[in-house]
Amino acid sequence: MSYARYKACIDACLRCVAVCTDCASQCIRHEGGHHHLARCIQTDLDCAAICETAAKLMSSGSEFARELCKLCAKICRACAEECEKHIEMSHCRDCAVVCSECADLCEKMS
């Protein structure tokens, strides 16, 4: 894999890292108790972690990048589905969109 060939997916993963991290932070600060947002926060954190790693592996041309992109797509989809349950909050709505886009590109890489 070369950086130039997979730049769109790398960029999508890095965008997902930022949006998922923001979503988790905003869910933590959400008024009225956090227990109903626990799964959202956890999937945001998982998604941010896998996306960061996928971007690094694609950027370095790792032989494991394709395999990781497959897992990244799966986690991005799970995060999007969870955030869609909370679309009344704009950060969750935005996160669902970005995660779905990232999943699409990661699936193409794998």
C-alpha atoms as a PDB file:
ATOM      1  CA  MET A   1       0.000   0.000   0.000  1.00  0.00           C
ATOM      2  CA  SER A   2       1.223   3.475  -0.736  1.00  0.00           C
ATOM      3  CA  TYR A   3       0.240   6.663   1.028  1.00  0.00           C
ATOM      4  CA  ALA A   4      -0.900   8.403  -2.170  1.00  0.00           C
ATOM      5  CA  ARG A   5      -3.066   5.475  -3.240  1.00  0.00           C
ATOM      6  CA  TYR A   6      -4.919   5.315   0.077  1.00  0.00           C
ATOM      7  CA  LYS A   7      -4.905   8.987   1.049  1.00  0.00           C
ATOM      8  CA  ALA A   8      -8.719   9.266   0.997  1.00  0.00           C
ATOM      9  CA  CYS A   9      -9.078   6.398   3.467  1.00  0.00           C
ATOM     10  CA  ILE A  10      -6.267   7.695   5.669  1.00  0.00           C
ATOM     11  CA  ASP A  11      -7.911  11.132   5.731  1.00  0.00           C
ATOM     12  CA  ALA A  12     -11.300   9.574   6.558  1.00  0.00           C
ATOM     13  CA  CYS A  13      -9.750   7.617   9.423  1.00  0.00           C
ATOM     14  CA  LEU A  14      -8.076  10.708  10.854  1.00  0.00           C
ATOM     15  CA  ARG A  15     -11.329  12.673  10.554  1.00  0.00           C
ATOM     16  CA  CYS A  16     -13.079   9.823  12.371  1.00  0.00           C
ATOM     17  CA  VAL A  17     -10.508   9.943  15.194  1.00  0.00           C
ATOM     18  CA  ALA A  18     -11.264  13.626  15.767  1.00  0.00           C
ATOM     19  CA  VAL A  19     -15.053  13.332  15.530  1.00  0.00           C
ATOM     20  CA  CYS A  20     -15.276  10.204  17.716  1.00  0.00           C
ATOM     21  CA  THR A  21     -13.049  11.775  20.357  1.00  0.00           C
ATOM     22  CA  ASP A  22     -15.217  14.891  20.353  1.00  0.00           C
ATOM     23  CA  CYS A  23     -18.405  12.814  20.544  1.00  0.00           C
ATOM     24  CA  ALA A  24     -17.108  10.821  23.515  1.00  0.00           C
ATOM     25  CA  SER A  25     -16.059  14.009  25.304  1.00  0.00           C
ATOM     26  CA  GLN A  26     -19.417  15.652  24.715  1.00  0.00           C
ATOM     27  CA  CYS A  27     -21.292  12.531  25.835  1.00  0.00           C
ATOM     28  CA  ILE A  28     -19.270  12.536  29.059  1.00  0.00           C
ATOM     29  CA  ARG A  29     -20.220  16.172  29.648  1.00  0.00           C
ATOM     30  CA  HIS A  30     -23.883  15.576  28.727  1.00  0.00           C
ATOM     31  CA  GLU A  31     -26.319  16.709  31.410  1.00  0.00           C
ATOM     32  CA  GLY A  32     -28.628  14.267  33.151  1.00  0.00           C
ATOM     33  CA  GLY A  33     -26.525  11.204  33.795  1.00  0.00           C
ATOM     34  CA  HIS A  34     -24.201   9.244  31.597  1.00  0.00           C
ATOM     35  CA  HIS A  35     -25.316   5.656  32.078  1.00  0.00           C
ATOM     36  CA  HIS A  36     -27.475   5.705  28.953  1.00  0.00           C
ATOM     37  CA  LEU A  37     -24.498   7.018  26.943  1.00  0.00           C
ATOM     38  CA  ALA A  38     -21.945   4.500  28.236  1.00  0.00           C
ATOM     39  CA  ARG A  39     -22.084   2.320  25.112  1.00  0.00           C
ATOM     40  CA  CYS A  40     -21.843   5.386  22.880  1.00  0.00           C
ATOM     41  CA  ILE A  41     -18.775   6.620  24.735  1.00  0.00           C
ATOM     42  CA  GLN A  42     -17.116   3.193  24.576  1.00  0.00           C
ATOM     43  CA  THR A  43     -17.743   2.726  20.845  1.00  0.00           C
ATOM     44  CA  ASP A  44     -16.457   6.266  20.202  1.00  0.00           C
ATOM     45  CA  LEU A  45     -13.232   5.450  22.043  1.00  0.00           C
ATOM     46  CA  ASP A  46     -12.855   2.079  20.303  1.00  0.00           C
ATOM     47  CA  CYS A  47     -13.495   3.658  16.924  1.00  0.00           C
ATOM     48  CA  ALA A  48     -11.010   6.476  17.488  1.00  0.00           C
ATOM     49  CA  ALA A  49      -8.336   3.981  18.538  1.00  0.00           C
ATOM     50  CA  ILE A  50      -8.791   1.636  15.570  1.00  0.00           C
ATOM     51  CA  CYS A  51      -9.012   4.490  13.076  1.00  0.00           C
ATOM     52  CA  GLU A  52      -5.788   6.018  14.342  1.00  0.00           C
ATOM     53  CA  THR A  53      -4.031   2.677  14.057  1.00  0.00           C
ATOM     54  CA  ALA A  54      -5.455   1.995  10.592  1.00  0.00           C
ATOM     55  CA  ALA A  55      -4.271   5.401   9.361  1.00  0.00           C
ATOM     56  CA  LYS A  56      -0.773   4.709  10.689  1.00  0.00           C
ATOM     57  CA  LEU A  57      -0.590   1.255   9.110  1.00  0.00           C
ATOM     58  CA  MET A  58      -1.839   2.502   5.748  1.00  0.00           C
ATOM     59  CA  SER A  59       0.586   5.438   5.856  1.00  0.00           C
ATOM     60  CA  SER A  60       3.540   3.158   6.528  1.00  0.00           C
ATOM     61  CA  GLY A  61       2.540   0.603   3.902  1.00  0.00           C
ATOM     62  CA  SER A  62       2.152  -2.166   6.460  1.00  0.00           C
ATOM     63  CA  GLU A  63       1.350  -5.638   5.203  1.00  0.00           C
ATOM     64  CA  PHE A  64      -1.366  -5.773   7.893  1.00  0.00           C
ATOM     65  CA  ALA A  65      -3.185  -2.619   6.799  1.00  0.00           C
ATOM     66  CA  ARG A  66      -5.817  -4.396   4.703  1.00  0.00           C
ATOM     67  CA  GLU A  67      -6.735  -6.762   7.533  1.00  0.00           C
ATOM     68  CA  LEU A  68      -6.955  -3.913   9.989  1.00  0.00           C
ATOM     69  CA  CYS A  69      -9.092  -1.878   7.582  1.00  0.00           C
ATOM     70  CA  LYS A  70     -11.624  -4.709   7.580  1.00  0.00           C
ATOM     71  CA  LEU A  71     -11.859  -4.579  11.384  1.00  0.00           C
ATOM     72  CA  CYS A  72     -11.858  -0.781  11.304  1.00  0.00           C
ATOM     73  CA  ALA A  73     -14.893  -0.805   8.997  1.00  0.00           C
ATOM     74  CA  LYS A  74     -16.719  -3.149  11.373  1.00  0.00           C
ATOM     75  CA  ILE A  75     -16.031  -0.938  14.402  1.00  0.00           C
ATOM     76  CA  CYS A  76     -16.927   2.235  12.480  1.00  0.00           C
ATOM     77  CA  ARG A  77     -20.272   0.675  11.539  1.00  0.00           C
ATOM     78  CA  ALA A  78     -20.945  -0.261  15.172  1.00  0.00           C
ATOM     79  CA  CYS A  79     -20.106   3.272  16.280  1.00  0.00           C
ATOM     80  CA  ALA A  80     -22.359   4.799  13.621  1.00  0.00           C
ATOM     81  CA  GLU A  81     -25.233   2.527  14.653  1.00  0.00           C
ATOM     82  CA  GLU A  82     -24.804   3.459  18.318  1.00  0.00           C
ATOM     83  CA  CYS A  83     -24.563   7.180  17.611  1.00  0.00           C
ATOM     84  CA  GLU A  84     -27.695   6.994  15.466  1.00  0.00           C
ATOM     85  CA  LYS A  85     -29.579   6.073  18.659  1.00  0.00           C
ATOM     86  CA  HIS A  86     -28.730   9.549  19.998  1.00  0.00           C
ATOM     87  CA  ILE A  87     -29.276  11.723  16.919  1.00  0.00           C
ATOM     88  CA  GLU A  88     -31.021  14.348  19.005  1.00  0.00           C
ATOM     89  CA  MET A  89     -27.476  15.384  19.967  1.00  0.00           C
ATOM     90  CA  SER A  90     -25.671  17.007  17.050  1.00  0.00           C
ATOM     91  CA  HIS A  91     -22.295  15.521  17.968  1.00  0.00           C
ATOM     92  CA  CYS A  92     -23.740  11.991  17.792  1.00  0.00           C
ATOM     93  CA  ARG A  93     -25.465  12.784  14.511  1.00  0.00           C
ATOM     94  CA  ASP A  94     -22.199  14.113  13.042  1.00  0.00           C
ATOM     95  CA  CYS A  95     -20.275  11.137  14.385  1.00  0.00           C
ATOM     96  CA  ALA A  96     -22.680   8.657  12.780  1.00  0.00           C
ATOM     97  CA  VAL A  97     -22.176  10.293   9.377  1.00  0.00           C
ATOM     98  CA  VAL A  98     -18.381  10.418   9.612  1.00  0.00           C
ATOM     99  CA  CYS A  99     -18.160   6.831  10.894  1.00  0.00           C
ATOM    100  CA  SER A 100     -20.345   5.557   8.049  1.00  0.00           C
ATOM    101  CA  GLU A 101     -18.194   7.338   5.483  1.00  0.00           C
ATOM    102  CA  CYS A 102     -15.031   5.952   7.050  1.00  0.00           C
ATOM    103  CA  ALA A 103     -16.497   2.432   7.100  1.00  0.00           C
ATOM    104  CA  ASP A 104     -17.281   2.665   3.383  1.00  0.00           C
ATOM    105  CA  LEU A 105     -13.715   3.661   2.524  1.00  0.00           C
ATOM    106  CA  CYS A 106     -12.162   1.083   4.855  1.00  0.00           C
ATOM    107  CA  GLU A 107     -14.275  -1.650   3.279  1.00  0.00           C
ATOM    108  CA  LYS A 108     -12.844  -0.678  -0.112  1.00  0.00           C
ATOM    109  CA  MET A 109      -9.331  -1.011   1.317  1.00  0.00           C
ATOM    110  CA  SER A 110      -9.932  -4.476   2.721  1.00  0.00           C
END
